[in-house]
């Protein structure tokens, strides 16, 4: 699970990543899955 923060608030997305995936890759996958544009995106953190 990845917590995303963007200009309109906060959202938690569940993504499936491999064991070698970086946190940055998981955050980017979650951002795209949520449909949040790069200009609206603020930060993300892997929470589980």
N, C-alpha and C. Protein backbone atom coordinates (compact mmCIF):
# COMPACT_ATOMS: atom_id res chain seq x y z
N UNK A 1 0.84 -1.17 0.00
CA UNK A 1 0.00 0.00 0.00
C UNK A 1 0.88 1.23 0.00
N UNK A 2 0.43 2.21 -0.75
CA UNK A 2 1.18 3.46 -0.88
C UNK A 2 0.25 4.62 -0.53
N UNK A 3 0.71 5.50 0.33
CA UNK A 3 -0.04 6.70 0.65
C UNK A 3 0.46 7.82 -0.25
N UNK A 4 -0.46 8.43 -0.98
CA UNK A 4 -0.13 9.51 -1.91
C UNK A 4 -0.71 10.82 -1.40
N UNK A 5 0.05 11.88 -1.54
CA UNK A 5 -0.45 13.22 -1.22
C UNK A 5 -0.32 14.07 -2.47
N UNK A 6 -1.39 14.76 -2.79
CA UNK A 6 -1.37 15.63 -3.95
C UNK A 6 -2.19 16.87 -3.65
N UNK A 7 -2.33 17.74 -4.62
CA UNK A 7 -2.94 19.05 -4.38
C UNK A 7 -4.35 18.97 -3.83
N UNK A 8 -5.04 17.85 -4.02
CA UNK A 8 -6.43 17.75 -3.56
C UNK A 8 -6.59 16.91 -2.30
N UNK A 9 -5.50 16.43 -1.72
CA UNK A 9 -5.62 15.67 -0.49
C UNK A 9 -4.70 14.48 -0.41
N UNK A 10 -5.25 13.39 0.14
CA UNK A 10 -4.48 12.19 0.43
C UNK A 10 -5.27 10.98 -0.06
N UNK A 11 -4.55 9.96 -0.49
CA UNK A 11 -5.20 8.75 -0.99
C UNK A 11 -4.27 7.56 -0.76
N UNK A 12 -4.84 6.40 -0.45
CA UNK A 12 -4.05 5.18 -0.28
C UNK A 12 -4.39 4.24 -1.44
N UNK A 13 -3.37 3.77 -2.13
CA UNK A 13 -3.52 2.85 -3.26
C UNK A 13 -2.78 1.55 -2.95
N UNK A 14 -3.35 0.45 -3.39
CA UNK A 14 -2.70 -0.85 -3.27
C UNK A 14 -2.10 -1.20 -4.63
N UNK A 15 -0.81 -1.51 -4.64
CA UNK A 15 -0.13 -1.88 -5.89
C UNK A 15 0.62 -3.19 -5.67
N UNK A 16 0.75 -3.94 -6.74
CA UNK A 16 1.51 -5.18 -6.71
C UNK A 16 2.88 -4.92 -7.34
N UNK A 17 3.94 -5.10 -6.55
CA UNK A 17 5.30 -4.91 -7.06
C UNK A 17 6.13 -6.12 -6.68
N UNK A 18 7.19 -6.33 -7.43
CA UNK A 18 8.10 -7.43 -7.15
C UNK A 18 8.98 -7.12 -5.94
N UNK A 19 9.65 -8.13 -5.40
CA UNK A 19 10.47 -7.94 -4.20
C UNK A 19 11.69 -7.03 -4.43
N UNK A 20 12.09 -6.84 -5.66
CA UNK A 20 13.25 -5.99 -5.94
C UNK A 20 12.86 -4.57 -6.34
N UNK A 21 11.57 -4.27 -6.37
CA UNK A 21 11.11 -2.92 -6.77
C UNK A 21 11.50 -1.91 -5.70
N UNK A 22 11.87 -0.74 -6.14
CA UNK A 22 12.20 0.34 -5.20
C UNK A 22 10.92 1.02 -4.72
N UNK A 23 11.03 1.75 -3.62
CA UNK A 23 9.89 2.51 -3.14
C UNK A 23 9.45 3.53 -4.18
N UNK A 24 10.41 4.14 -4.86
CA UNK A 24 10.09 5.15 -5.87
C UNK A 24 9.25 4.53 -7.00
N UNK A 25 9.57 3.31 -7.39
CA UNK A 25 8.81 2.63 -8.44
C UNK A 25 7.39 2.34 -7.97
N UNK A 26 7.23 1.88 -6.73
CA UNK A 26 5.91 1.60 -6.19
C UNK A 26 5.07 2.87 -6.09
N UNK A 27 5.69 3.96 -5.67
CA UNK A 27 4.99 5.24 -5.56
C UNK A 27 4.55 5.72 -6.94
N UNK A 28 5.42 5.61 -7.93
CA UNK A 28 5.07 6.03 -9.28
C UNK A 28 3.94 5.18 -9.85
N UNK A 29 3.98 3.87 -9.61
CA UNK A 29 2.91 2.98 -10.07
C UNK A 29 1.58 3.37 -9.42
N UNK A 30 1.61 3.64 -8.13
CA UNK A 30 0.39 4.02 -7.41
C UNK A 30 -0.15 5.34 -7.92
N UNK A 31 0.74 6.29 -8.18
CA UNK A 31 0.32 7.60 -8.69
C UNK A 31 -0.38 7.46 -10.02
N UNK A 32 0.20 6.66 -10.92
CA UNK A 32 -0.41 6.45 -12.24
C UNK A 32 -1.72 5.69 -12.12
N UNK A 33 -1.76 4.69 -11.24
CA UNK A 33 -2.98 3.92 -11.02
C UNK A 33 -4.11 4.80 -10.51
N UNK A 34 -3.78 5.76 -9.66
CA UNK A 34 -4.78 6.67 -9.09
C UNK A 34 -5.19 7.76 -10.07
N UNK A 35 -4.44 7.92 -11.17
CA UNK A 35 -4.76 8.94 -12.15
C UNK A 35 -4.35 10.34 -11.72
N UNK A 36 -3.33 10.43 -10.89
CA UNK A 36 -2.84 11.72 -10.41
C UNK A 36 -1.71 12.17 -11.32
N UNK A 37 -1.85 13.36 -11.88
CA UNK A 37 -0.83 13.87 -12.80
C UNK A 37 0.43 14.25 -12.03
N UNK A 38 1.53 14.31 -12.76
CA UNK A 38 2.80 14.68 -12.16
C UNK A 38 2.82 16.09 -11.60
N UNK A 39 2.03 16.98 -12.19
CA UNK A 39 2.00 18.36 -11.71
C UNK A 39 1.19 18.51 -10.42
N UNK A 40 0.22 17.62 -10.20
CA UNK A 40 -0.59 17.67 -8.98
C UNK A 40 0.05 16.90 -7.84
N UNK A 41 0.90 15.92 -8.14
CA UNK A 41 1.50 15.04 -7.16
C UNK A 41 2.48 15.79 -6.26
N UNK A 42 2.41 15.53 -4.96
CA UNK A 42 3.32 16.15 -4.00
C UNK A 42 4.34 15.14 -3.46
N UNK A 43 3.86 14.09 -2.80
CA UNK A 43 4.76 13.10 -2.21
C UNK A 43 4.03 11.77 -2.00
N UNK A 44 4.79 10.74 -1.77
CA UNK A 44 4.22 9.43 -1.51
C UNK A 44 5.12 8.63 -0.59
N UNK A 45 4.52 7.67 0.11
CA UNK A 45 5.29 6.83 1.01
C UNK A 45 4.68 5.43 1.00
N UNK A 46 5.55 4.42 0.98
CA UNK A 46 5.10 3.03 1.06
C UNK A 46 4.77 2.74 2.52
N UNK A 47 3.53 2.32 2.78
CA UNK A 47 3.11 2.10 4.16
C UNK A 47 2.96 0.62 4.51
N UNK A 48 2.91 -0.23 3.52
CA UNK A 48 2.82 -1.67 3.79
C UNK A 48 3.28 -2.45 2.58
